[in-house]
Amino acid sequence: MPELKRLMVFVDNSNIFRGSLSLGIKVDYQKMVDFLSNGAFDEKYDLLRVIMYCTVDRSKSEDQIRAQEWLYDKFNSFHKFDVKKFTLKTIRDGNGNVIEKYEKGVDTALVTDLLLLATKGAFDVAIVCAGDADFIKAIEGVKDMGIQIYVASFDHSCSKDLKSVSLGYVSLTNNCAKFTY
């Protein structure tokens, strides 16, 4: 029996969360990763690590912040998951009211990890669970290193160009029954 290719999965949690929310479904992240590593791309892989990039909204109440932290800690307890947490940035008006929230550093961290680990030969195959066109150059770079790289996302939240630049795309929309609850 041939040796399985070594797989790493990189998850932009905000993209996956927003995509599932708009469909009214709840993703079981462990089942999603199991699906991706065991046949979604017509091949089974040796899953080495899942790096999940999450943001905490510290403008929320203490109870809501604790709930977010608890959820991310739960994700971190999943088999081979490594959760990286970032603070959601907020802009407030003169009265202290939040007028805008945005992520800062999440995409950069994912791209940095993807490229650094690829140059170290840490994996043979990568799956990026995201939808932003910002990832195109990083995916092209990994592909140019001779590493297989794929994208998995919800159709409505994934850039058409991102889908086409990878070696393959898996629609989480079409497969959500396999990893939702």
N, C-alpha and C. Protein backbone atom coordinates (compact mmCIF):
# COMPACT_ATOMS: atom_id res chain seq x y z
N MET A 1 0.85 -1.20 0.00
CA MET A 1 0.00 0.00 0.00
C MET A 1 0.89 1.25 0.00
N PRO A 2 0.64 2.18 -0.92
CA PRO A 2 1.48 3.39 -1.00
C PRO A 2 1.31 4.28 0.23
N GLU A 3 2.37 5.01 0.53
CA GLU A 3 2.34 5.93 1.66
C GLU A 3 1.43 7.12 1.34
N LEU A 4 0.65 7.54 2.33
CA LEU A 4 -0.26 8.66 2.13
C LEU A 4 0.51 9.98 2.08
N LYS A 5 0.02 10.90 1.28
CA LYS A 5 0.60 12.24 1.22
C LYS A 5 0.26 12.98 2.50
N ARG A 6 1.21 13.80 2.95
CA ARG A 6 1.05 14.57 4.19
C ARG A 6 0.23 15.83 3.91
N LEU A 7 -0.83 16.01 4.69
CA LEU A 7 -1.79 17.11 4.47
C LEU A 7 -1.79 18.08 5.64
N MET A 8 -1.87 19.37 5.29
CA MET A 8 -2.17 20.41 6.27
C MET A 8 -3.36 21.20 5.75
N VAL A 9 -4.25 21.57 6.67
CA VAL A 9 -5.45 22.33 6.34
C VAL A 9 -5.36 23.69 7.03
N PHE A 10 -5.64 24.74 6.29
CA PHE A 10 -5.60 26.12 6.79
C PHE A 10 -7.02 26.68 6.70
N VAL A 11 -7.61 27.04 7.83
CA VAL A 11 -9.01 27.43 7.89
C VAL A 11 -9.15 28.91 8.29
N ASP A 12 -9.70 29.70 7.40
CA ASP A 12 -10.09 31.07 7.71
C ASP A 12 -11.48 30.97 8.34
N ASN A 13 -11.53 30.94 9.65
CA ASN A 13 -12.79 30.69 10.36
C ASN A 13 -13.88 31.70 10.01
N SER A 14 -13.53 32.97 9.88
CA SER A 14 -14.55 33.98 9.57
C SER A 14 -15.24 33.67 8.25
N ASN A 15 -14.48 33.27 7.25
CA ASN A 15 -15.06 32.95 5.95
C ASN A 15 -15.98 31.74 6.05
N ILE A 16 -15.54 30.70 6.73
CA ILE A 16 -16.35 29.49 6.85
C ILE A 16 -17.58 29.77 7.73
N PHE A 17 -17.39 30.50 8.81
CA PHE A 17 -18.51 30.82 9.70
C PHE A 17 -19.57 31.65 8.97
N ARG A 18 -19.14 32.73 8.30
CA ARG A 18 -20.09 33.59 7.59
C ARG A 18 -20.79 32.83 6.47
N GLY A 19 -20.03 31.98 5.76
CA GLY A 19 -20.62 31.19 4.68
C GLY A 19 -21.68 30.24 5.19
N SER A 20 -21.41 29.59 6.32
CA SER A 20 -22.39 28.65 6.88
C SER A 20 -23.59 29.40 7.46
N LEU A 21 -23.33 30.54 8.09
CA LEU A 21 -24.40 31.34 8.68
C LEU A 21 -25.39 31.79 7.61
N SER A 22 -24.88 32.20 6.46
CA SER A 22 -25.77 32.66 5.40
C SER A 22 -26.62 31.53 4.83
N LEU A 23 -26.16 30.28 5.01
CA LEU A 23 -26.94 29.12 4.56
C LEU A 23 -27.82 28.55 5.67
N GLY A 24 -27.68 29.11 6.88
CA GLY A 24 -28.46 28.63 8.01
C GLY A 24 -28.04 27.26 8.51
N ILE A 25 -26.75 26.95 8.38
CA ILE A 25 -26.25 25.65 8.84
C ILE A 25 -25.15 25.86 9.88
N LYS A 26 -24.88 24.81 10.64
CA LYS A 26 -23.79 24.83 11.62
C LYS A 26 -22.77 23.77 11.22
N VAL A 27 -21.52 24.21 11.12
CA VAL A 27 -20.45 23.33 10.68
C VAL A 27 -19.82 22.62 11.87
N ASP A 28 -19.66 21.32 11.76
CA ASP A 28 -18.85 20.54 12.69
C ASP A 28 -17.45 20.52 12.06
N TYR A 29 -16.55 21.33 12.59
CA TYR A 29 -15.24 21.51 11.97
C TYR A 29 -14.43 20.22 11.92
N GLN A 30 -14.53 19.39 12.94
CA GLN A 30 -13.81 18.12 12.91
C GLN A 30 -14.31 17.24 11.77
N LYS A 31 -15.64 17.19 11.60
CA LYS A 31 -16.20 16.40 10.49
C LYS A 31 -15.82 17.01 9.14
N MET A 32 -15.77 18.33 9.05
CA MET A 32 -15.39 18.98 7.80
C MET A 32 -13.96 18.59 7.42
N VAL A 33 -13.06 18.64 8.39
CA VAL A 33 -11.66 18.29 8.12
C VAL A 33 -11.55 16.80 7.79
N ASP A 34 -12.30 15.96 8.49
CA ASP A 34 -12.30 14.52 8.17
C ASP A 34 -12.76 14.30 6.74
N PHE A 35 -13.81 15.01 6.33
CA PHE A 35 -14.31 14.92 4.95
C PHE A 35 -13.22 15.35 3.96
N LEU A 36 -12.56 16.47 4.24
CA LEU A 36 -11.55 16.98 3.32
C LEU A 36 -10.34 16.06 3.22
N SER A 37 -9.97 15.43 4.32
CA SER A 37 -8.76 14.61 4.31
C SER A 37 -9.02 13.16 3.91
N ASN A 38 -10.29 12.78 3.78
CA ASN A 38 -10.61 11.39 3.48
C ASN A 38 -11.49 11.23 2.24
N GLY A 39 -11.11 11.88 1.16
CA GLY A 39 -11.80 11.59 -0.08
C GLY A 39 -12.46 12.75 -0.79
N ALA A 40 -12.49 13.93 -0.21
CA ALA A 40 -13.12 15.06 -0.89
C ALA A 40 -12.42 15.35 -2.22
N PHE A 41 -11.13 15.06 -2.28
CA PHE A 41 -10.36 15.28 -3.50
C PHE A 41 -9.98 13.95 -4.16
N ASP A 42 -10.84 12.94 -3.94
CA ASP A 42 -10.64 11.60 -4.52
C ASP A 42 -9.35 10.94 -4.07
N GLU A 43 -8.87 11.32 -2.91
CA GLU A 43 -7.65 10.74 -2.36
C GLU A 43 -7.72 10.87 -0.84
N LYS A 44 -7.10 9.95 -0.15
CA LYS A 44 -6.99 10.04 1.30
C LYS A 44 -5.60 10.55 1.65
N TYR A 45 -5.54 11.32 2.72
CA TYR A 45 -4.28 11.93 3.12
C TYR A 45 -3.96 11.62 4.57
N ASP A 46 -2.69 11.79 4.91
CA ASP A 46 -2.23 11.71 6.29
C ASP A 46 -2.32 13.13 6.86
N LEU A 47 -3.37 13.37 7.63
CA LEU A 47 -3.58 14.71 8.19
C LEU A 47 -2.55 14.98 9.28
N LEU A 48 -1.72 15.99 9.05
CA LEU A 48 -0.69 16.36 10.02
C LEU A 48 -1.17 17.42 11.00
N ARG A 49 -1.89 18.42 10.46
CA ARG A 49 -2.23 19.57 11.29
C ARG A 49 -3.32 20.39 10.62
N VAL A 50 -4.16 20.99 11.44
CA VAL A 50 -5.17 21.93 10.98
C VAL A 50 -4.89 23.24 11.71
N ILE A 51 -4.63 24.30 10.97
CA ILE A 51 -4.42 25.60 11.60
C ILE A 51 -5.67 26.42 11.31
N MET A 52 -6.31 26.85 12.38
CA MET A 52 -7.57 27.58 12.27
C MET A 52 -7.35 29.00 12.80
N TYR A 53 -7.72 29.98 12.00
CA TYR A 53 -7.50 31.39 12.31
C TYR A 53 -8.83 32.01 12.73
N CYS A 54 -8.92 32.43 13.99
CA CYS A 54 -10.19 32.90 14.57
C CYS A 54 -10.01 34.30 15.17
N THR A 55 -11.10 35.05 15.18
CA THR A 55 -11.06 36.37 15.82
C THR A 55 -12.02 36.40 17.00
N VAL A 56 -11.60 37.14 18.02
CA VAL A 56 -12.41 37.35 19.22
C VAL A 56 -12.88 38.80 19.18
N ASP A 57 -14.17 38.99 19.34
CA ASP A 57 -14.76 40.33 19.35
C ASP A 57 -14.80 40.83 20.78
N ARG A 58 -13.81 41.60 21.18
CA ARG A 58 -13.69 42.08 22.56
C ARG A 58 -14.58 43.28 22.84
N SER A 59 -15.36 43.72 21.84
CA SER A 59 -16.32 44.80 22.08
C SER A 59 -17.63 44.24 22.63
N LYS A 60 -17.74 42.93 22.66
CA LYS A 60 -18.95 42.26 23.17
C LYS A 60 -18.93 42.23 24.69
N SER A 61 -20.00 41.71 25.28
CA SER A 61 -20.06 41.57 26.74
C SER A 61 -19.07 40.51 27.20
N GLU A 62 -18.74 40.55 28.48
CA GLU A 62 -17.81 39.56 29.04
C GLU A 62 -18.31 38.14 28.82
N ASP A 63 -19.60 37.92 28.96
CA ASP A 63 -20.17 36.59 28.75
C ASP A 63 -19.99 36.15 27.29
N GLN A 64 -20.20 37.05 26.35
CA GLN A 64 -20.04 36.72 24.94
C GLN A 64 -18.57 36.45 24.60
N ILE A 65 -17.68 37.22 25.19
CA ILE A 65 -16.25 37.00 24.97
C ILE A 65 -15.85 35.64 25.52
N ARG A 66 -16.32 35.31 26.73
CA ARG A 66 -16.01 33.99 27.31
C ARG A 66 -16.56 32.87 26.44
N ALA A 67 -17.74 33.07 25.88
CA ALA A 67 -18.34 32.05 25.01
C ALA A 67 -17.48 31.85 23.75
N GLN A 68 -16.99 32.94 23.17
CA GLN A 68 -16.12 32.83 22.00
C GLN A 68 -14.82 32.10 22.37
N GLU A 69 -14.23 32.51 23.49
CA GLU A 69 -12.98 31.88 23.94
C GLU A 69 -13.20 30.40 24.21
N TRP A 70 -14.34 30.06 24.84
CA TRP A 70 -14.65 28.67 25.12
C TRP A 70 -14.75 27.86 23.83
N LEU A 71 -15.43 28.43 22.83
CA LEU A 71 -15.60 27.75 21.55
C LEU A 71 -14.25 27.53 20.88
N TYR A 72 -13.38 28.54 20.88
CA TYR A 72 -12.08 28.40 20.24
C TYR A 72 -11.20 27.41 21.00
N ASP A 73 -11.33 27.38 22.32
CA ASP A 73 -10.61 26.38 23.11
C ASP A 73 -11.11 24.98 22.77
N LYS A 74 -12.42 24.86 22.54
CA LYS A 74 -12.98 23.57 22.14
C LYS A 74 -12.40 23.14 20.80
N PHE A 75 -12.37 24.06 19.83
CA PHE A 75 -11.76 23.76 18.54
C PHE A 75 -10.32 23.30 18.72
N ASN A 76 -9.61 23.97 19.60
CA ASN A 76 -8.20 23.65 19.84
C ASN A 76 -8.03 22.24 20.42
N SER A 77 -9.08 21.71 21.03
CA SER A 77 -9.00 20.36 21.60
C SER A 77 -9.27 19.27 20.56
N PHE A 78 -9.73 19.67 19.36
CA PHE A 78 -9.98 18.70 18.30
C PHE A 78 -8.65 18.09 17.86
N HIS A 79 -8.74 16.90 17.32
CA HIS A 79 -7.57 16.15 16.87
C HIS A 79 -6.77 16.94 15.83
N LYS A 80 -5.53 17.26 16.16
CA LYS A 80 -4.56 17.92 15.29
C LYS A 80 -4.90 19.37 14.97
N PHE A 81 -5.83 19.98 15.70
CA PHE A 81 -6.19 21.39 15.48
C PHE A 81 -5.25 22.30 16.26
N ASP A 82 -4.90 23.40 15.66
CA ASP A 82 -4.10 24.45 16.28
C ASP A 82 -4.82 25.76 15.98
N VAL A 83 -5.46 26.33 17.01
CA VAL A 83 -6.25 27.56 16.83
C VAL A 83 -5.39 28.77 17.14
N LYS A 84 -5.37 29.70 16.21
CA LYS A 84 -4.67 30.97 16.40
C LYS A 84 -5.73 32.06 16.53
N LYS A 85 -5.70 32.76 17.65
CA LYS A 85 -6.72 33.77 17.93
C LYS A 85 -6.20 35.18 17.70
N PHE A 86 -7.06 35.99 17.15
CA PHE A 86 -6.78 37.40 16.89
C PHE A 86 -7.91 38.23 17.48
N THR A 87 -7.61 39.46 17.81
CA THR A 87 -8.63 40.37 18.33
C THR A 87 -9.25 41.15 17.18
N LEU A 88 -10.57 41.11 17.09
CA LEU A 88 -11.29 41.90 16.09
C LEU A 88 -11.06 43.37 16.41
N LYS A 89 -10.65 44.12 15.43
CA LYS A 89 -10.38 45.54 15.62
C LYS A 89 -11.70 46.31 15.57
N THR A 90 -11.79 47.35 16.37
CA THR A 90 -13.00 48.16 16.40
C THR A 90 -12.65 49.64 16.25
N ILE A 91 -13.54 50.35 15.60
CA ILE A 91 -13.44 51.81 15.51
C ILE A 91 -14.65 52.36 16.25
N ARG A 92 -14.39 53.29 17.14
CA ARG A 92 -15.46 53.88 17.95
C ARG A 92 -15.62 55.36 17.63
N ASP A 93 -16.83 55.84 17.82
CA ASP A 93 -17.07 57.27 17.63
C ASP A 93 -16.68 58.01 18.91
N GLY A 94 -16.91 59.29 18.92
CA GLY A 94 -16.54 60.13 20.07
C GLY A 94 -17.25 59.75 21.36
N ASN A 95 -18.37 59.07 21.26
CA ASN A 95 -19.12 58.64 22.45
C ASN A 95 -18.76 57.23 22.90
N GLY A 96 -17.80 56.60 22.21
CA GLY A 96 -17.40 55.25 22.59
C GLY A 96 -18.21 54.15 21.95
N ASN A 97 -19.14 54.51 21.07
CA ASN A 97 -19.94 53.50 20.38
C ASN A 97 -19.16 52.89 19.22
N VAL A 98 -19.27 51.60 19.06
CA VAL A 98 -18.59 50.91 17.97
C VAL A 98 -19.29 51.25 16.66
N ILE A 99 -18.52 51.78 15.71
CA ILE A 99 -19.10 52.12 14.41
C ILE A 99 -18.60 51.20 13.29
N GLU A 100 -17.50 50.49 13.55
CA GLU A 100 -16.98 49.56 12.55
C GLU A 100 -16.13 48.50 13.23
N LYS A 101 -16.19 47.28 12.68
CA LYS A 101 -15.35 46.17 13.15
C LYS A 101 -14.70 45.54 11.93
N TYR A 102 -13.45 45.12 12.11
CA TYR A 102 -12.76 44.47 10.99
C TYR A 102 -11.63 43.58 11.52
N GLU A 103 -11.32 42.59 10.71
CA GLU A 103 -10.21 41.70 11.05
C GLU A 103 -8.91 42.35 10.60
N LYS A 104 -7.88 42.12 11.37
CA LYS A 104 -6.56 42.64 11.01
C LYS A 104 -5.53 41.56 11.30
N GLY A 105 -4.78 41.18 10.28
CA GLY A 105 -3.68 40.24 10.47
C GLY A 105 -4.01 38.78 10.24
N VAL A 106 -5.29 38.45 10.11
CA VAL A 106 -5.68 37.04 9.96
C VAL A 106 -5.21 36.48 8.62
N ASP A 107 -5.54 37.16 7.52
CA ASP A 107 -5.13 36.68 6.21
C ASP A 107 -3.61 36.63 6.10
N THR A 108 -2.95 37.65 6.65
CA THR A 108 -1.49 37.69 6.62
C THR A 108 -0.89 36.52 7.38
N ALA A 109 -1.46 36.20 8.53
CA ALA A 109 -0.97 35.06 9.32
C ALA A 109 -1.16 33.75 8.56
N LEU A 110 -2.31 33.58 7.93
CA LEU A 110 -2.55 32.36 7.16
C LEU A 110 -1.55 32.24 6.01
N VAL A 111 -1.37 33.31 5.27
CA VAL A 111 -0.43 33.31 4.14
C VAL A 111 1.00 33.04 4.63
N THR A 112 1.39 33.69 5.70
CA THR A 112 2.74 33.49 6.24
C THR A 112 2.96 32.05 6.65
N ASP A 113 2.02 31.49 7.41
CA ASP A 113 2.15 30.08 7.82
C ASP A 113 2.18 29.16 6.61
N LEU A 114 1.29 29.38 5.66
CA LEU A 114 1.22 28.54 4.47
C LEU A 114 2.56 28.54 3.73
N LEU A 115 3.11 29.72 3.48
CA LEU A 115 4.35 29.82 2.72
C LEU A 115 5.56 29.32 3.52
N LEU A 116 5.64 29.66 4.80
CA LEU A 116 6.77 29.20 5.61
C LEU A 116 6.79 27.68 5.73
N LEU A 117 5.64 27.10 6.01
CA LEU A 117 5.57 25.65 6.14
C LEU A 117 5.81 24.95 4.81
N ALA A 118 5.37 25.56 3.72
CA ALA A 118 5.63 24.99 2.39
C ALA A 118 7.12 25.00 2.08
N THR A 119 7.80 26.10 2.37
CA THR A 119 9.24 26.18 2.08
C THR A 119 10.04 25.23 2.96
N LYS A 120 9.52 24.88 4.10
CA LYS A 120 10.19 23.91 4.98
C LYS A 120 9.87 22.47 4.61
N GLY A 121 9.00 22.29 3.63
CA GLY A 121 8.62 20.94 3.21
C GLY A 121 7.78 20.22 4.25
N ALA A 122 6.99 20.98 5.01
CA ALA A 122 6.21 20.42 6.11
C ALA A 122 5.02 19.59 5.65
N PHE A 123 4.61 19.73 4.39
CA PHE A 123 3.45 19.00 3.88
C PHE A 123 3.61 18.77 2.38
N ASP A 124 2.86 17.78 1.88
CA ASP A 124 2.83 17.49 0.46
C ASP A 124 1.60 18.10 -0.21
N VAL A 125 0.55 18.28 0.60
CA VAL A 125 -0.74 18.78 0.12
C VAL A 125 -1.27 19.78 1.13
N ALA A 126 -1.84 20.88 0.62
CA ALA A 126 -2.49 21.86 1.49
C ALA A 126 -3.90 22.09 0.98
N ILE A 127 -4.80 22.27 1.93
CA ILE A 127 -6.17 22.69 1.61
C ILE A 127 -6.40 23.99 2.35
N VAL A 128 -6.77 25.02 1.61
CA VAL A 128 -7.08 26.32 2.20
C VAL A 128 -8.59 26.47 2.20
N CYS A 129 -9.15 26.58 3.38
CA CYS A 129 -10.60 26.78 3.55
C CYS A 129 -10.83 28.27 3.71
N ALA A 130 -11.05 28.93 2.61
CA ALA A 130 -11.19 30.38 2.59
C ALA A 130 -11.83 30.77 1.26
N GLY A 131 -12.08 32.05 1.10
CA GLY A 131 -12.69 32.49 -0.14
C GLY A 131 -12.12 33.77 -0.70
N ASP A 132 -11.24 34.42 0.04
CA ASP A 132 -10.73 35.72 -0.37
C ASP A 132 -9.75 35.63 -1.53
N ALA A 133 -9.90 36.52 -2.47
CA ALA A 133 -8.95 36.61 -3.59
C ALA A 133 -7.56 37.00 -3.09
N ASP A 134 -7.46 37.53 -1.87
CA ASP A 134 -6.16 37.89 -1.29
C ASP A 134 -5.20 36.70 -1.23
N PHE A 135 -5.73 35.49 -1.25
CA PHE A 135 -4.89 34.30 -1.12
C PHE A 135 -4.33 33.80 -2.45
N ILE A 136 -4.70 34.41 -3.54
CA ILE A 136 -4.31 33.92 -4.87
C ILE A 136 -2.80 33.82 -5.02
N LYS A 137 -2.06 34.86 -4.73
CA LYS A 137 -0.60 34.85 -4.92
C LYS A 137 0.06 33.79 -4.04
N ALA A 138 -0.41 33.62 -2.83
CA ALA A 138 0.17 32.60 -1.94
C ALA A 138 -0.08 31.20 -2.49
N ILE A 139 -1.28 30.97 -2.99
CA ILE A 139 -1.61 29.66 -3.57
C ILE A 139 -0.77 29.42 -4.82
N GLU A 140 -0.61 30.43 -5.65
CA GLU A 140 0.26 30.29 -6.82
C GLU A 140 1.69 29.98 -6.40
N GLY A 141 2.17 30.64 -5.35
CA GLY A 141 3.53 30.40 -4.86
C GLY A 141 3.74 28.98 -4.38
N VAL A 142 2.78 28.47 -3.63
CA VAL A 142 2.87 27.09 -3.13
C VAL A 142 2.81 26.11 -4.31
N LYS A 143 1.93 26.38 -5.22
CA LYS A 143 1.80 25.52 -6.41
C LYS A 143 3.11 25.53 -7.22
N ASP A 144 3.76 26.69 -7.32
CA ASP A 144 5.03 26.81 -8.04
C ASP A 144 6.15 26.01 -7.36
N MET A 145 6.00 25.73 -6.06
CA MET A 145 6.97 24.90 -5.34
C MET A 145 6.76 23.41 -5.62
N GLY A 146 5.74 23.10 -6.39
CA GLY A 146 5.46 21.70 -6.70
C GLY A 146 4.60 21.01 -5.66
N ILE A 147 3.96 21.79 -4.82
CA ILE A 147 3.10 21.26 -3.77
C ILE A 147 1.65 21.33 -4.23
N GLN A 148 0.91 20.28 -3.98
CA GLN A 148 -0.51 20.27 -4.33
C GLN A 148 -1.25 21.20 -3.37
N ILE A 149 -2.08 22.06 -3.92
CA ILE A 149 -2.84 22.99 -3.09
C ILE A 149 -4.25 23.13 -3.65
N TYR A 150 -5.21 23.01 -2.74
CA TYR A 150 -6.62 23.02 -3.09
C TYR A 150 -7.35 24.06 -2.25
N VAL A 151 -8.55 24.43 -2.70
CA VAL A 151 -9.40 25.36 -1.98
C VAL A 151 -10.73 24.67 -1.69
N ALA A 152 -11.23 24.88 -0.48
CA ALA A 152 -12.56 24.41 -0.09
C ALA A 152 -13.28 25.60 0.53
N SER A 153 -14.50 25.86 0.05
CA SER A 153 -15.24 27.01 0.56
C SER A 153 -16.71 26.86 0.18
N PHE A 154 -17.51 27.74 0.75
CA PHE A 154 -18.90 27.84 0.33
C PHE A 154 -18.93 28.64 -0.97
N ASP A 155 -19.69 28.18 -1.92
CA ASP A 155 -19.67 28.75 -3.27
C ASP A 155 -19.89 30.26 -3.29
N HIS A 156 -20.88 30.72 -2.53
CA HIS A 156 -21.24 32.14 -2.57
C HIS A 156 -20.22 33.03 -1.87
N SER A 157 -19.30 32.44 -1.10
CA SER A 157 -18.32 33.26 -0.37
C SER A 157 -16.90 33.00 -0.85
N CYS A 158 -16.78 32.49 -2.08
CA CYS A 158 -15.45 32.19 -2.62
C CYS A 158 -15.24 32.90 -3.95
N SER A 159 -14.12 33.56 -4.05
CA SER A 159 -13.75 34.24 -5.28
C SER A 159 -13.60 33.23 -6.42
N LYS A 160 -14.16 33.57 -7.56
CA LYS A 160 -14.05 32.72 -8.76
C LYS A 160 -12.57 32.54 -9.12
N ASP A 161 -11.79 33.59 -8.99
CA ASP A 161 -10.36 33.51 -9.32
C ASP A 161 -9.61 32.61 -8.35
N LEU A 162 -10.00 32.63 -7.09
CA LEU A 162 -9.35 31.75 -6.11
C LEU A 162 -9.63 30.29 -6.45
N LYS A 163 -10.86 30.00 -6.81
CA LYS A 163 -11.22 28.63 -7.21
C LYS A 163 -10.35 28.16 -8.36
N SER A 164 -10.16 29.02 -9.35
CA SER A 164 -9.47 28.61 -10.57
C SER A 164 -7.96 28.51 -10.43
N VAL A 165 -7.36 29.20 -9.48
CA VAL A 165 -5.90 29.19 -9.37
C VAL A 165 -5.39 27.94 -8.64
N SER A 166 -6.21 27.32 -7.84
CA SER A 166 -5.78 26.12 -7.12
C SER A 166 -5.84 24.91 -8.04
N LEU A 167 -5.34 23.78 -7.56
CA LEU A 167 -5.38 22.55 -8.36
C LEU A 167 -6.76 21.93 -8.37
N GLY A 168 -7.61 22.36 -7.44
CA GLY A 168 -8.97 21.85 -7.39
C GLY A 168 -9.76 22.58 -6.34
N TYR A 169 -11.05 22.53 -6.49
CA TYR A 169 -11.96 23.23 -5.58
C TYR A 169 -13.02 22.24 -5.10
N VAL A 170 -13.28 22.26 -3.80
CA VAL A 170 -14.38 21.47 -3.25
C VAL A 170 -15.43 22.44 -2.72
N SER A 171 -16.63 22.25 -3.20
CA SER A 171 -17.76 23.07 -2.78
C SER A 171 -18.26 22.57 -1.42
N LEU A 172 -18.09 23.39 -0.41
CA LEU A 172 -18.65 23.04 0.90
C LEU A 172 -20.17 23.15 0.85
N THR A 173 -20.66 24.00 -0.04
CA THR A 173 -22.11 24.14 -0.22
C THR A 173 -22.73 22.82 -0.64
N ASN A 174 -22.15 22.19 -1.64
CA ASN A 174 -22.70 20.94 -2.17
C ASN A 174 -22.46 19.74 -1.27
N ASN A 175 -21.54 19.86 -0.32
CA ASN A 175 -21.18 18.73 0.53
C ASN A 175 -21.51 18.94 2.00
N CYS A 176 -22.23 20.00 2.32
CA CYS A 176 -22.42 20.38 3.73
C CYS A 176 -23.15 19.32 4.55
N ALA A 177 -23.94 18.47 3.94
CA ALA A 177 -24.65 17.43 4.69
C ALA A 177 -23.66 16.46 5.34
N LYS A 178 -22.44 16.42 4.85
CA LYS A 178 -21.41 15.50 5.37
C LYS A 178 -20.74 16.01 6.63
N PHE A 179 -20.93 17.31 6.97
CA PHE A 179 -20.22 17.84 8.13
C PHE A 179 -20.99 18.91 8.90
N THR A 180 -22.29 18.86 8.82
CA THR A 180 -23.11 19.80 9.60
C THR A 180 -23.89 19.05 10.66
N TYR A 181 -24.43 19.80 11.59
CA TYR A 181 -25.27 19.20 12.63
C TYR A 181 -26.49 20.05 12.86
